[in-house]
Amino acid sequence: MTATAKFWDGIAEKYAKSPIRDMESYEHTLQRTASYLKPTDQVLELGCGTGRTALRLADHVDTITASDVSPGMLAVGRRLAQEQKTQNVTFVQAEANQPPNWTYDVVMTFNLLHLVQDLDATLAQVHQVLKPGGLFISKTPCLAQGGLGFKFGLLKLLLPVMQLVGKAPYVNQFDIKTLESTVGNAGFEIIESGNFPVTPPSRYLVARRV
C-alpha cells in the first residue's frame, strides 16, 4: 500500500462523517456539473473519496466509475451506495495517473488535482481516456493564489511539518493561471470557469477535449 493510500485509509471513516464545510459552494458545483451531464453518459470520477459526489450525480447519467487510491474510502462509498440502493456507480481502486482502461464521455475530479504529484501525467491520462469532444470537469483549491490571509498563510507554513509526521498528504500549491495553463497545454479547451468558494479559491473548470 502506498503512503498516500495509507493516509486516506486512516481517515476514511472520520472523513465520511465530517460535514461539508461550504455546502452552498458544493451544491452550486453539483448544479453546474449536472447541467453538462446526459442520461447516456459514461462517467469516470478520479479521486472519488467516499463517493458522495458520484452518488449525488448518479441519476443524471448512465454509469459512473468512481475510482480512488484508498481502499478505505472505497469501502465507505460501496456501503453508501448499498444504503441508497444506487446501482449505476461502480467503485474501483486506481491511481489518478493510472485510470481504468476504458473510454468515457466525462471525467470528473473534485478536490484532487492539488494532491497529485505529477499533474501533467494525470491530465495526459484524462485526455487519453476521454472520447473526442468529451468533457473534463474539475474543482481544485489554488493555494498559491495571492491574498489568502493570515490563516491560510500559517497553514501553508505548517504543512511540511504536518506531512513529516503523517498528518497531511502531499499538496501541490499553484495559482489559477498555472492550473488553467496546464489544463490547456494538456489538450483541453476551457468552456466554463469560476471560484466556488472564492476564498481560498477553489477553481471550477469545465474543459472539452480537443
N, C-alpha and C. Protein backbone atom coordinates (compact mmCIF):
# COMPACT_ATOMS: atom_id res chain seq x y z
N MET A 1 0.85 -1.20 0.00
CA MET A 1 0.00 0.00 0.00
C MET A 1 0.88 1.25 0.00
N THR A 2 0.56 2.22 -0.84
CA THR A 2 1.34 3.44 -0.90
C THR A 2 1.07 4.31 0.33
N ALA A 3 1.98 5.26 0.58
CA ALA A 3 1.80 6.17 1.71
C ALA A 3 0.54 7.00 1.55
N THR A 4 0.23 7.37 0.31
CA THR A 4 -0.99 8.15 0.06
C THR A 4 -2.24 7.36 0.41
N ALA A 5 -2.28 6.11 -0.05
CA ALA A 5 -3.44 5.26 0.26
C ALA A 5 -3.55 5.03 1.76
N LYS A 6 -2.43 4.83 2.41
CA LYS A 6 -2.44 4.59 3.85
C LYS A 6 -2.97 5.81 4.61
N PHE A 7 -2.56 7.01 4.18
CA PHE A 7 -3.04 8.23 4.84
C PHE A 7 -4.56 8.33 4.73
N TRP A 8 -5.10 8.16 3.52
CA TRP A 8 -6.55 8.33 3.33
C TRP A 8 -7.33 7.18 3.96
N ASP A 9 -6.76 5.99 3.98
CA ASP A 9 -7.40 4.88 4.68
C ASP A 9 -7.58 5.22 6.16
N GLY A 10 -6.56 5.87 6.73
CA GLY A 10 -6.59 6.16 8.16
C GLY A 10 -7.66 7.16 8.57
N ILE A 11 -8.12 7.98 7.62
CA ILE A 11 -9.12 8.99 7.98
C ILE A 11 -10.46 8.75 7.29
N ALA A 12 -10.61 7.61 6.61
CA ALA A 12 -11.80 7.37 5.78
C ALA A 12 -13.10 7.50 6.56
N GLU A 13 -13.22 6.82 7.69
CA GLU A 13 -14.47 6.85 8.45
C GLU A 13 -14.74 8.24 9.02
N LYS A 14 -13.69 8.89 9.52
CA LYS A 14 -13.84 10.24 10.06
C LYS A 14 -14.24 11.20 8.95
N TYR A 15 -13.62 11.05 7.79
CA TYR A 15 -13.91 11.90 6.65
C TYR A 15 -15.37 11.74 6.22
N ALA A 16 -15.85 10.50 6.24
CA ALA A 16 -17.22 10.22 5.82
C ALA A 16 -18.24 10.90 6.72
N LYS A 17 -17.89 11.06 8.00
CA LYS A 17 -18.81 11.64 8.96
C LYS A 17 -18.70 13.16 9.04
N SER A 18 -17.66 13.71 8.43
CA SER A 18 -17.44 15.16 8.52
C SER A 18 -18.41 15.91 7.61
N PRO A 19 -19.02 16.99 8.11
CA PRO A 19 -19.92 17.78 7.27
C PRO A 19 -19.14 18.53 6.20
N ILE A 20 -19.77 18.79 5.09
CA ILE A 20 -19.16 19.60 4.03
C ILE A 20 -19.01 21.03 4.55
N ARG A 21 -17.82 21.59 4.41
CA ARG A 21 -17.52 22.90 5.02
C ARG A 21 -18.33 24.04 4.40
N ASP A 22 -18.45 24.02 3.09
CA ASP A 22 -19.17 25.09 2.39
C ASP A 22 -20.25 24.44 1.53
N MET A 23 -21.39 24.20 2.13
CA MET A 23 -22.47 23.50 1.44
C MET A 23 -22.99 24.29 0.25
N GLU A 24 -23.03 25.60 0.36
CA GLU A 24 -23.52 26.42 -0.75
C GLU A 24 -22.65 26.25 -1.99
N SER A 25 -21.33 26.27 -1.81
CA SER A 25 -20.42 26.08 -2.94
C SER A 25 -20.52 24.67 -3.49
N TYR A 26 -20.66 23.70 -2.60
CA TYR A 26 -20.77 22.31 -3.03
C TYR A 26 -22.03 22.09 -3.86
N GLU A 27 -23.15 22.61 -3.40
CA GLU A 27 -24.40 22.44 -4.14
C GLU A 27 -24.35 23.16 -5.48
N HIS A 28 -23.70 24.32 -5.51
CA HIS A 28 -23.58 25.05 -6.77
C HIS A 28 -22.71 24.25 -7.76
N THR A 29 -21.65 23.65 -7.24
CA THR A 29 -20.80 22.81 -8.08
C THR A 29 -21.58 21.64 -8.65
N LEU A 30 -22.38 20.99 -7.83
CA LEU A 30 -23.21 19.88 -8.30
C LEU A 30 -24.19 20.35 -9.38
N GLN A 31 -24.79 21.49 -9.16
CA GLN A 31 -25.77 22.01 -10.11
C GLN A 31 -25.14 22.30 -11.46
N ARG A 32 -23.97 22.97 -11.43
CA ARG A 32 -23.31 23.28 -12.69
C ARG A 32 -22.87 22.00 -13.40
N THR A 33 -22.34 21.05 -12.64
CA THR A 33 -21.88 19.80 -13.24
C THR A 33 -23.05 19.02 -13.84
N ALA A 34 -24.14 18.92 -13.11
CA ALA A 34 -25.31 18.19 -13.61
C ALA A 34 -25.83 18.78 -14.92
N SER A 35 -25.66 20.08 -15.11
CA SER A 35 -26.17 20.72 -16.32
C SER A 35 -25.42 20.26 -17.58
N TYR A 36 -24.24 19.69 -17.39
CA TYR A 36 -23.46 19.20 -18.54
C TYR A 36 -23.64 17.70 -18.79
N LEU A 37 -24.28 17.02 -17.87
CA LEU A 37 -24.39 15.57 -17.97
C LEU A 37 -25.62 15.14 -18.76
N LYS A 38 -25.49 13.99 -19.45
CA LYS A 38 -26.61 13.45 -20.24
C LYS A 38 -26.94 12.03 -19.76
N PRO A 39 -28.18 11.61 -19.93
CA PRO A 39 -28.59 10.28 -19.46
C PRO A 39 -27.80 9.13 -20.07
N THR A 40 -27.16 9.37 -21.23
CA THR A 40 -26.40 8.30 -21.90
C THR A 40 -24.92 8.32 -21.52
N ASP A 41 -24.49 9.27 -20.71
CA ASP A 41 -23.06 9.43 -20.43
C ASP A 41 -22.49 8.31 -19.59
N GLN A 42 -21.29 7.89 -19.96
CA GLN A 42 -20.47 7.04 -19.12
C GLN A 42 -19.39 7.93 -18.52
N VAL A 43 -19.35 7.98 -17.19
CA VAL A 43 -18.55 8.97 -16.47
C VAL A 43 -17.50 8.27 -15.62
N LEU A 44 -16.33 8.89 -15.54
CA LEU A 44 -15.28 8.45 -14.63
C LEU A 44 -15.01 9.57 -13.63
N GLU A 45 -15.00 9.23 -12.35
CA GLU A 45 -14.54 10.19 -11.35
C GLU A 45 -13.22 9.68 -10.76
N LEU A 46 -12.19 10.51 -10.84
CA LEU A 46 -10.91 10.21 -10.23
C LEU A 46 -10.86 10.84 -8.85
N GLY A 47 -10.32 10.12 -7.87
CA GLY A 47 -10.26 10.65 -6.51
C GLY A 47 -11.64 10.84 -5.92
N CYS A 48 -12.46 9.82 -6.02
CA CYS A 48 -13.87 9.94 -5.60
C CYS A 48 -14.04 10.00 -4.09
N GLY A 49 -13.01 9.64 -3.32
CA GLY A 49 -13.16 9.63 -1.87
C GLY A 49 -14.24 8.66 -1.44
N THR A 50 -15.16 9.13 -0.61
CA THR A 50 -16.24 8.28 -0.12
C THR A 50 -17.41 8.16 -1.10
N GLY A 51 -17.26 8.73 -2.28
CA GLY A 51 -18.27 8.56 -3.32
C GLY A 51 -19.49 9.46 -3.19
N ARG A 52 -19.43 10.42 -2.28
CA ARG A 52 -20.60 11.25 -2.04
C ARG A 52 -21.06 11.99 -3.29
N THR A 53 -20.10 12.56 -4.03
CA THR A 53 -20.46 13.32 -5.23
C THR A 53 -20.95 12.41 -6.34
N ALA A 54 -20.28 11.29 -6.54
CA ALA A 54 -20.72 10.34 -7.57
C ALA A 54 -22.15 9.88 -7.32
N LEU A 55 -22.47 9.61 -6.07
CA LEU A 55 -23.81 9.14 -5.74
C LEU A 55 -24.85 10.24 -5.94
N ARG A 56 -24.46 11.49 -5.69
CA ARG A 56 -25.39 12.60 -5.91
C ARG A 56 -25.69 12.80 -7.40
N LEU A 57 -24.70 12.51 -8.25
CA LEU A 57 -24.86 12.76 -9.69
C LEU A 57 -25.32 11.53 -10.47
N ALA A 58 -25.45 10.40 -9.79
CA ALA A 58 -25.74 9.13 -10.47
C ALA A 58 -27.02 9.16 -11.29
N ASP A 59 -28.03 9.86 -10.82
CA ASP A 59 -29.32 9.88 -11.52
C ASP A 59 -29.26 10.64 -12.85
N HIS A 60 -28.19 11.39 -13.08
CA HIS A 60 -28.10 12.21 -14.29
C HIS A 60 -27.40 11.51 -15.44
N VAL A 61 -26.84 10.31 -15.20
CA VAL A 61 -26.01 9.65 -16.21
C VAL A 61 -26.37 8.17 -16.32
N ASP A 62 -25.73 7.51 -17.28
CA ASP A 62 -25.91 6.07 -17.44
C ASP A 62 -25.11 5.32 -16.38
N THR A 63 -23.79 5.54 -16.35
CA THR A 63 -22.94 4.88 -15.37
C THR A 63 -21.86 5.83 -14.86
N ILE A 64 -21.40 5.59 -13.64
CA ILE A 64 -20.23 6.29 -13.10
C ILE A 64 -19.26 5.24 -12.57
N THR A 65 -18.02 5.33 -13.02
CA THR A 65 -16.93 4.56 -12.42
C THR A 65 -16.23 5.49 -11.45
N ALA A 66 -16.37 5.20 -10.16
CA ALA A 66 -15.81 6.05 -9.12
C ALA A 66 -14.51 5.42 -8.62
N SER A 67 -13.39 6.07 -8.89
CA SER A 67 -12.10 5.49 -8.55
C SER A 67 -11.38 6.31 -7.49
N ASP A 68 -10.57 5.61 -6.71
CA ASP A 68 -9.78 6.27 -5.67
C ASP A 68 -8.61 5.36 -5.33
N VAL A 69 -7.56 5.96 -4.78
CA VAL A 69 -6.39 5.18 -4.38
C VAL A 69 -6.60 4.44 -3.06
N SER A 70 -7.58 4.88 -2.28
CA SER A 70 -7.76 4.39 -0.91
C SER A 70 -8.83 3.31 -0.82
N PRO A 71 -8.47 2.08 -0.46
CA PRO A 71 -9.49 1.04 -0.25
C PRO A 71 -10.48 1.41 0.85
N GLY A 72 -10.01 2.11 1.87
CA GLY A 72 -10.91 2.52 2.96
C GLY A 72 -11.99 3.47 2.48
N MET A 73 -11.61 4.44 1.67
CA MET A 73 -12.59 5.38 1.11
C MET A 73 -13.59 4.64 0.23
N LEU A 74 -13.08 3.73 -0.59
CA LEU A 74 -13.95 2.98 -1.49
C LEU A 74 -14.94 2.10 -0.73
N ALA A 75 -14.50 1.54 0.38
CA ALA A 75 -15.39 0.71 1.20
C ALA A 75 -16.55 1.53 1.72
N VAL A 76 -16.27 2.77 2.13
CA VAL A 76 -17.34 3.66 2.57
C VAL A 76 -18.30 3.94 1.42
N GLY A 77 -17.75 4.21 0.24
CA GLY A 77 -18.57 4.50 -0.93
C GLY A 77 -19.49 3.35 -1.29
N ARG A 78 -18.95 2.14 -1.26
CA ARG A 78 -19.79 0.97 -1.57
C ARG A 78 -20.91 0.82 -0.54
N ARG A 79 -20.60 1.08 0.71
CA ARG A 79 -21.61 0.98 1.75
C ARG A 79 -22.71 2.02 1.54
N LEU A 80 -22.32 3.24 1.21
CA LEU A 80 -23.31 4.29 0.98
C LEU A 80 -24.17 3.97 -0.25
N ALA A 81 -23.55 3.44 -1.29
CA ALA A 81 -24.31 3.08 -2.49
C ALA A 81 -25.33 2.00 -2.18
N GLN A 82 -24.94 1.04 -1.36
CA GLN A 82 -25.87 -0.02 -0.98
C GLN A 82 -27.02 0.53 -0.16
N GLU A 83 -26.69 1.43 0.78
CA GLU A 83 -27.73 2.02 1.63
C GLU A 83 -28.71 2.83 0.80
N GLN A 84 -28.21 3.52 -0.23
CA GLN A 84 -29.06 4.37 -1.06
C GLN A 84 -29.67 3.61 -2.24
N LYS A 85 -29.29 2.34 -2.37
CA LYS A 85 -29.79 1.49 -3.46
C LYS A 85 -29.43 2.07 -4.84
N THR A 86 -28.22 2.63 -4.92
CA THR A 86 -27.71 3.14 -6.19
C THR A 86 -26.95 2.04 -6.90
N GLN A 87 -27.37 1.71 -8.12
CA GLN A 87 -26.81 0.55 -8.81
C GLN A 87 -25.93 0.89 -10.02
N ASN A 88 -25.86 2.15 -10.40
CA ASN A 88 -25.08 2.50 -11.60
C ASN A 88 -23.75 3.16 -11.27
N VAL A 89 -23.30 3.06 -10.01
CA VAL A 89 -21.97 3.56 -9.61
C VAL A 89 -21.12 2.36 -9.21
N THR A 90 -19.98 2.21 -9.87
CA THR A 90 -19.04 1.14 -9.58
C THR A 90 -17.78 1.73 -8.97
N PHE A 91 -17.34 1.19 -7.86
CA PHE A 91 -16.16 1.70 -7.16
C PHE A 91 -14.95 0.83 -7.48
N VAL A 92 -13.86 1.46 -7.92
CA VAL A 92 -12.64 0.72 -8.27
C VAL A 92 -11.43 1.45 -7.72
N GLN A 93 -10.41 0.67 -7.35
CA GLN A 93 -9.18 1.26 -6.85
C GLN A 93 -8.26 1.59 -8.02
N ALA A 94 -7.78 2.83 -8.06
CA ALA A 94 -6.90 3.25 -9.14
C ALA A 94 -6.18 4.54 -8.75
N GLU A 95 -4.92 4.65 -9.17
CA GLU A 95 -4.18 5.89 -9.03
C GLU A 95 -4.75 6.90 -10.03
N ALA A 96 -4.61 8.19 -9.70
CA ALA A 96 -5.13 9.23 -10.59
C ALA A 96 -4.46 9.20 -11.95
N ASN A 97 -3.17 8.86 -11.99
CA ASN A 97 -2.47 8.82 -13.26
C ASN A 97 -2.48 7.45 -13.92
N GLN A 98 -3.30 6.53 -13.37
CA GLN A 98 -3.50 5.21 -13.97
C GLN A 98 -4.99 4.86 -13.92
N PRO A 99 -5.82 5.60 -14.64
CA PRO A 99 -7.26 5.38 -14.58
C PRO A 99 -7.65 4.07 -15.24
N PRO A 100 -8.86 3.61 -14.97
CA PRO A 100 -9.35 2.37 -15.61
C PRO A 100 -9.24 2.47 -17.13
N ASN A 101 -8.89 1.37 -17.76
CA ASN A 101 -8.65 1.32 -19.20
C ASN A 101 -9.97 1.24 -19.96
N TRP A 102 -10.58 2.38 -20.18
CA TRP A 102 -11.87 2.48 -20.87
C TRP A 102 -11.95 3.86 -21.48
N THR A 103 -13.00 4.14 -22.22
CA THR A 103 -13.21 5.49 -22.72
C THR A 103 -14.51 6.04 -22.15
N TYR A 104 -14.51 7.33 -21.87
CA TYR A 104 -15.62 7.96 -21.14
C TYR A 104 -16.08 9.22 -21.85
N ASP A 105 -17.33 9.56 -21.61
CA ASP A 105 -17.89 10.82 -22.12
C ASP A 105 -17.47 12.00 -21.23
N VAL A 106 -17.32 11.73 -19.93
CA VAL A 106 -16.98 12.77 -18.96
C VAL A 106 -16.00 12.20 -17.95
N VAL A 107 -14.99 12.97 -17.62
CA VAL A 107 -14.11 12.65 -16.49
C VAL A 107 -14.22 13.78 -15.48
N MET A 108 -14.42 13.43 -14.21
CA MET A 108 -14.57 14.42 -13.15
C MET A 108 -13.44 14.24 -12.12
N THR A 109 -12.93 15.35 -11.62
CA THR A 109 -12.01 15.33 -10.48
C THR A 109 -12.36 16.50 -9.57
N PHE A 110 -12.74 16.21 -8.35
CA PHE A 110 -13.08 17.27 -7.40
C PHE A 110 -12.14 17.19 -6.20
N ASN A 111 -11.47 18.31 -5.93
CA ASN A 111 -10.52 18.38 -4.80
C ASN A 111 -9.44 17.31 -4.91
N LEU A 112 -8.92 17.13 -6.12
CA LEU A 112 -7.91 16.10 -6.36
C LEU A 112 -6.62 16.64 -6.96
N LEU A 113 -6.69 17.51 -7.96
CA LEU A 113 -5.52 17.85 -8.75
C LEU A 113 -4.39 18.44 -7.92
N HIS A 114 -4.70 19.11 -6.81
CA HIS A 114 -3.64 19.66 -5.96
C HIS A 114 -2.98 18.57 -5.12
N LEU A 115 -3.51 17.35 -5.17
CA LEU A 115 -2.97 16.25 -4.37
C LEU A 115 -2.13 15.28 -5.20
N VAL A 116 -2.07 15.47 -6.51
CA VAL A 116 -1.28 14.56 -7.35
C VAL A 116 0.11 15.14 -7.54
N GLN A 117 1.11 14.27 -7.54
CA GLN A 117 2.50 14.73 -7.63
C GLN A 117 2.90 15.09 -9.05
N ASP A 118 2.30 14.48 -10.05
CA ASP A 118 2.61 14.80 -11.45
C ASP A 118 1.32 15.19 -12.15
N LEU A 119 1.04 16.48 -12.13
CA LEU A 119 -0.21 16.97 -12.70
C LEU A 119 -0.24 16.75 -14.21
N ASP A 120 0.89 16.97 -14.89
CA ASP A 120 0.93 16.79 -16.34
C ASP A 120 0.59 15.35 -16.72
N ALA A 121 1.15 14.38 -16.00
CA ALA A 121 0.89 12.98 -16.31
C ALA A 121 -0.56 12.61 -16.06
N THR A 122 -1.13 13.15 -14.99
CA THR A 122 -2.53 12.88 -14.68
C THR A 122 -3.46 13.43 -15.76
N LEU A 123 -3.21 14.67 -16.18
CA LEU A 123 -4.04 15.27 -17.21
C LEU A 123 -3.87 14.57 -18.55
N ALA A 124 -2.68 14.06 -18.81
CA ALA A 124 -2.45 13.31 -20.05
C ALA A 124 -3.30 12.04 -20.06
N GLN A 125 -3.42 11.39 -18.91
CA GLN A 125 -4.25 10.20 -18.81
C GLN A 125 -5.73 10.53 -18.94
N VAL A 126 -6.13 11.65 -18.35
CA VAL A 126 -7.52 12.10 -18.50
C VAL A 126 -7.84 12.30 -19.97
N HIS A 127 -6.95 12.97 -20.67
CA HIS A 127 -7.13 13.22 -22.10
C HIS A 127 -7.25 11.91 -22.87
N GLN A 128 -6.44 10.94 -22.50
CA GLN A 128 -6.41 9.67 -23.22
C GLN A 128 -7.70 8.88 -23.06
N VAL A 129 -8.29 8.89 -21.86
CA VAL A 129 -9.49 8.06 -21.64
C VAL A 129 -10.78 8.78 -22.04
N LEU A 130 -10.71 10.06 -22.35
CA LEU A 130 -11.89 10.80 -22.79
C LEU A 130 -12.14 10.57 -24.28
N LYS A 131 -13.40 10.42 -24.64
CA LYS A 131 -13.76 10.38 -26.05
C LYS A 131 -13.50 11.74 -26.68
N PRO A 132 -13.26 11.81 -28.00
CA PRO A 132 -13.11 13.11 -28.66
C PRO A 132 -14.30 14.01 -28.38
N GLY A 133 -14.04 15.21 -27.94
CA GLY A 133 -15.11 16.13 -27.58
C GLY A 133 -15.66 15.92 -26.19
N GLY A 134 -15.13 14.93 -25.47
CA GLY A 134 -15.59 14.66 -24.11
C GLY A 134 -15.22 15.77 -23.15
N LEU A 135 -15.87 15.77 -21.99
CA LEU A 135 -15.70 16.85 -21.03
C LEU A 135 -14.87 16.43 -19.82
N PHE A 136 -14.01 17.33 -19.41
CA PHE A 136 -13.25 17.19 -18.18
C PHE A 136 -13.77 18.25 -17.21
N ILE A 137 -14.34 17.82 -16.09
CA ILE A 137 -14.93 18.73 -15.11
C ILE A 137 -14.18 18.58 -13.80
N SER A 138 -13.66 19.70 -13.29
CA SER A 138 -12.84 19.62 -12.08
C SER A 138 -13.06 20.83 -11.19
N LYS A 139 -12.72 20.64 -9.92
CA LYS A 139 -12.66 21.77 -8.98
C LYS A 139 -11.43 21.56 -8.10
N THR A 140 -10.60 22.59 -8.01
CA THR A 140 -9.28 22.44 -7.41
C THR A 140 -8.91 23.65 -6.57
N PRO A 141 -8.55 23.46 -5.29
CA PRO A 141 -8.03 24.58 -4.50
C PRO A 141 -6.73 25.11 -5.10
N CYS A 142 -6.63 26.41 -5.25
CA CYS A 142 -5.42 27.04 -5.79
C CYS A 142 -4.73 27.78 -4.65
N LEU A 143 -3.86 27.07 -3.95
CA LEU A 143 -3.31 27.54 -2.68
C LEU A 143 -2.16 28.52 -2.85
N ALA A 144 -1.67 28.70 -4.09
CA ALA A 144 -0.62 29.68 -4.32
C ALA A 144 -1.18 31.02 -4.78
N GLN A 145 -2.49 31.12 -4.85
CA GLN A 145 -3.12 32.38 -5.22
C GLN A 145 -2.87 33.40 -4.12
N GLY A 146 -2.63 34.62 -4.49
CA GLY A 146 -2.35 35.66 -3.50
C GLY A 146 -3.57 36.08 -2.72
N GLY A 147 -3.34 36.73 -1.58
CA GLY A 147 -4.41 37.31 -0.79
C GLY A 147 -5.24 36.32 -0.01
N LEU A 148 -4.64 35.21 0.43
CA LEU A 148 -5.40 34.21 1.17
C LEU A 148 -5.52 34.53 2.65
N GLY A 149 -4.74 35.49 3.14
CA GLY A 149 -4.88 35.89 4.54
C GLY A 149 -3.96 35.11 5.47
N PHE A 150 -3.96 35.56 6.74
CA PHE A 150 -3.04 35.01 7.74
C PHE A 150 -3.29 33.53 8.01
N LYS A 151 -4.56 33.13 8.14
CA LYS A 151 -4.89 31.75 8.49
C LYS A 151 -4.31 30.75 7.50
N PHE A 152 -4.52 31.01 6.20
CA PHE A 152 -4.04 30.07 5.20
C PHE A 152 -2.54 30.20 4.99
N GLY A 153 -2.00 31.40 5.23
CA GLY A 153 -0.55 31.55 5.18
C GLY A 153 0.13 30.73 6.25
N LEU A 154 -0.45 30.72 7.45
CA LEU A 154 0.10 29.91 8.54
C LEU A 154 -0.01 28.43 8.23
N LEU A 155 -1.15 28.03 7.68
CA LEU A 155 -1.35 26.62 7.33
C LEU A 155 -0.31 26.16 6.31
N LYS A 156 0.01 27.00 5.34
CA LYS A 156 1.00 26.65 4.33
C LYS A 156 2.38 26.48 4.96
N LEU A 157 2.68 27.28 5.98
CA LEU A 157 3.96 27.17 6.67
C LEU A 157 4.04 25.87 7.48
N LEU A 158 2.91 25.48 8.06
CA LEU A 158 2.88 24.28 8.90
C LEU A 158 2.78 22.99 8.10
N LEU A 159 2.40 23.08 6.84
CA LEU A 159 2.14 21.90 6.03
C LEU A 159 3.32 20.93 5.96
N PRO A 160 4.55 21.41 5.72
CA PRO A 160 5.67 20.46 5.65
C PRO A 160 5.86 19.67 6.94
N VAL A 161 5.65 20.31 8.09
CA VAL A 161 5.79 19.62 9.37
C VAL A 161 4.68 18.57 9.52
N MET A 162 3.47 18.93 9.14
CA MET A 162 2.35 18.00 9.22
C MET A 162 2.57 16.80 8.31
N GLN A 163 3.14 17.04 7.14
CA GLN A 163 3.41 15.95 6.22
C GLN A 163 4.50 15.03 6.78
N LEU A 164 5.48 15.62 7.45
CA LEU A 164 6.58 14.85 8.00
C LEU A 164 6.11 13.85 9.05
N VAL A 165 5.09 14.22 9.81
CA VAL A 165 4.58 13.34 10.88
C VAL A 165 3.34 12.57 10.45
N GLY A 166 3.04 12.61 9.14
CA GLY A 166 1.94 11.81 8.62
C GLY A 166 0.56 12.38 8.87
N LYS A 167 0.48 13.68 9.16
CA LYS A 167 -0.81 14.30 9.44
C LYS A 167 -1.37 15.07 8.24
N ALA A 168 -0.67 15.04 7.13
CA ALA A 168 -1.15 15.71 5.92
C ALA A 168 -0.61 14.99 4.70
N PRO A 169 -1.36 14.96 3.61
CA PRO A 169 -0.88 14.32 2.38
C PRO A 169 0.01 15.28 1.59
N TYR A 170 0.55 14.79 0.48
CA TYR A 170 1.25 15.66 -0.45
C TYR A 170 0.28 16.71 -0.99
N VAL A 171 0.74 17.96 -1.07
CA VAL A 171 -0.09 19.04 -1.60
C VAL A 171 0.73 19.86 -2.59
N ASN A 172 0.21 20.00 -3.79
CA ASN A 172 0.83 20.83 -4.82
C ASN A 172 0.19 22.21 -4.80
N GLN A 173 1.01 23.23 -4.61
CA GLN A 173 0.49 24.59 -4.50
C GLN A 173 0.72 25.35 -5.81
N PHE A 174 -0.38 25.75 -6.45
CA PHE A 174 -0.29 26.52 -7.68
C PHE A 174 -1.41 27.56 -7.69
N ASP A 175 -1.30 28.54 -8.59
CA ASP A 175 -2.34 29.56 -8.69
C ASP A 175 -3.28 29.24 -9.85
N ILE A 176 -4.31 30.05 -10.01
CA ILE A 176 -5.33 29.80 -11.03
C ILE A 176 -4.74 29.82 -12.43
N LYS A 177 -3.88 30.80 -12.69
CA LYS A 177 -3.29 30.93 -14.03
C LYS A 177 -2.48 29.68 -14.39
N THR A 178 -1.71 29.18 -13.43
CA THR A 178 -0.91 27.99 -13.69
C THR A 178 -1.79 26.77 -13.94
N LEU A 179 -2.83 26.61 -13.13
CA LEU A 179 -3.75 25.49 -13.31
C LEU A 179 -4.38 25.52 -14.70
N GLU A 180 -4.92 26.66 -15.09
CA GLU A 180 -5.62 26.73 -16.36
C GLU A 180 -4.65 26.57 -17.54
N SER A 181 -3.45 27.08 -17.40
CA SER A 181 -2.44 26.90 -18.44
C SER A 181 -2.07 25.43 -18.59
N THR A 182 -1.94 24.73 -17.47
CA THR A 182 -1.59 23.32 -17.50
C THR A 182 -2.71 22.49 -18.14
N VAL A 183 -3.94 22.81 -17.81
CA VAL A 183 -5.08 22.12 -18.40
C VAL A 183 -5.13 22.38 -19.91
N GLY A 184 -4.91 23.62 -20.31
CA GLY A 184 -4.91 23.95 -21.74
C GLY A 184 -3.80 23.24 -22.49
N ASN A 185 -2.61 23.19 -21.89
CA ASN A 185 -1.48 22.54 -22.54
C ASN A 185 -1.67 21.03 -22.67
N ALA A 186 -2.57 20.46 -21.85
CA ALA A 186 -2.84 19.02 -21.91
C ALA A 186 -3.82 18.65 -23.02
N GLY A 187 -4.30 19.65 -23.76
CA GLY A 187 -5.18 19.36 -24.89
C GLY A 187 -6.65 19.60 -24.62
N PHE A 188 -6.93 20.59 -23.74
CA PHE A 188 -8.32 20.89 -23.40
C PHE A 188 -8.63 22.36 -23.68
N GLU A 189 -9.88 22.60 -24.05
CA GLU A 189 -10.38 23.96 -24.21
C GLU A 189 -11.34 24.26 -23.07
N ILE A 190 -11.02 25.24 -22.24
CA ILE A 190 -11.85 25.58 -21.10
C ILE A 190 -13.09 26.32 -21.58
N ILE A 191 -14.27 25.83 -21.19
CA ILE A 191 -15.52 26.44 -21.65
C ILE A 191 -16.31 27.06 -20.50
N GLU A 192 -15.93 26.77 -19.26
CA GLU A 192 -16.54 27.44 -18.10
C GLU A 192 -15.55 27.43 -16.96
N SER A 193 -15.54 28.51 -16.19
CA SER A 193 -14.67 28.57 -15.02
C SER A 193 -15.30 29.47 -13.96
N GLY A 194 -14.89 29.24 -12.72
CA GLY A 194 -15.39 30.05 -11.61
C GLY A 194 -14.77 29.57 -10.31
N ASN A 195 -14.90 30.39 -9.27
CA ASN A 195 -14.37 30.04 -7.95
C ASN A 195 -15.50 29.74 -6.98
N PHE A 196 -15.58 28.52 -6.51
CA PHE A 196 -16.63 28.10 -5.57
C PHE A 196 -16.00 27.26 -4.47
N PRO A 197 -15.60 27.89 -3.34
CA PRO A 197 -15.79 29.27 -2.93
C PRO A 197 -14.73 30.20 -3.52
N VAL A 198 -14.89 31.48 -3.21
CA VAL A 198 -13.97 32.49 -3.71
C VAL A 198 -12.67 32.48 -2.93
N THR A 199 -12.76 32.31 -1.59
CA THR A 199 -11.58 32.33 -0.73
C THR A 199 -11.62 31.16 0.24
N PRO A 200 -10.55 30.33 0.29
CA PRO A 200 -9.48 30.30 -0.73
C PRO A 200 -10.06 29.81 -2.03
N PRO A 201 -9.57 30.31 -3.16
CA PRO A 201 -10.22 30.00 -4.42
C PRO A 201 -10.16 28.52 -4.77
N SER A 202 -11.31 27.90 -4.96
CA SER A 202 -11.40 26.53 -5.45
C SER A 202 -11.91 26.64 -6.87
N ARG A 203 -11.01 26.48 -7.82
CA ARG A 203 -11.30 26.79 -9.22
C ARG A 203 -12.10 25.67 -9.88
N TYR A 204 -13.28 26.02 -10.34
CA TYR A 204 -14.15 25.09 -11.05
C TYR A 204 -13.91 25.28 -12.55
N LEU A 205 -13.61 24.16 -13.23
CA LEU A 205 -13.36 24.22 -14.66
C LEU A 205 -14.18 23.17 -15.39
N VAL A 206 -14.73 23.56 -16.53
CA VAL A 206 -15.30 22.60 -17.48
C VAL A 206 -14.50 22.78 -18.76
N ALA A 207 -13.87 21.69 -19.20
CA ALA A 207 -13.00 21.76 -20.37
C ALA A 207 -13.34 20.64 -21.34
N ARG A 208 -13.25 20.96 -22.61
CA ARG A 208 -13.56 19.98 -23.65
C ARG A 208 -12.27 19.45 -24.26
N ARG A 209 -12.20 18.13 -24.45
CA ARG A 209 -11.04 17.54 -25.12
C ARG A 209 -11.01 17.98 -26.57
N VAL A 210 -9.86 18.48 -27.01
CA VAL A 210 -9.70 18.93 -28.41
C VAL A 210 -8.65 18.08 -29.10
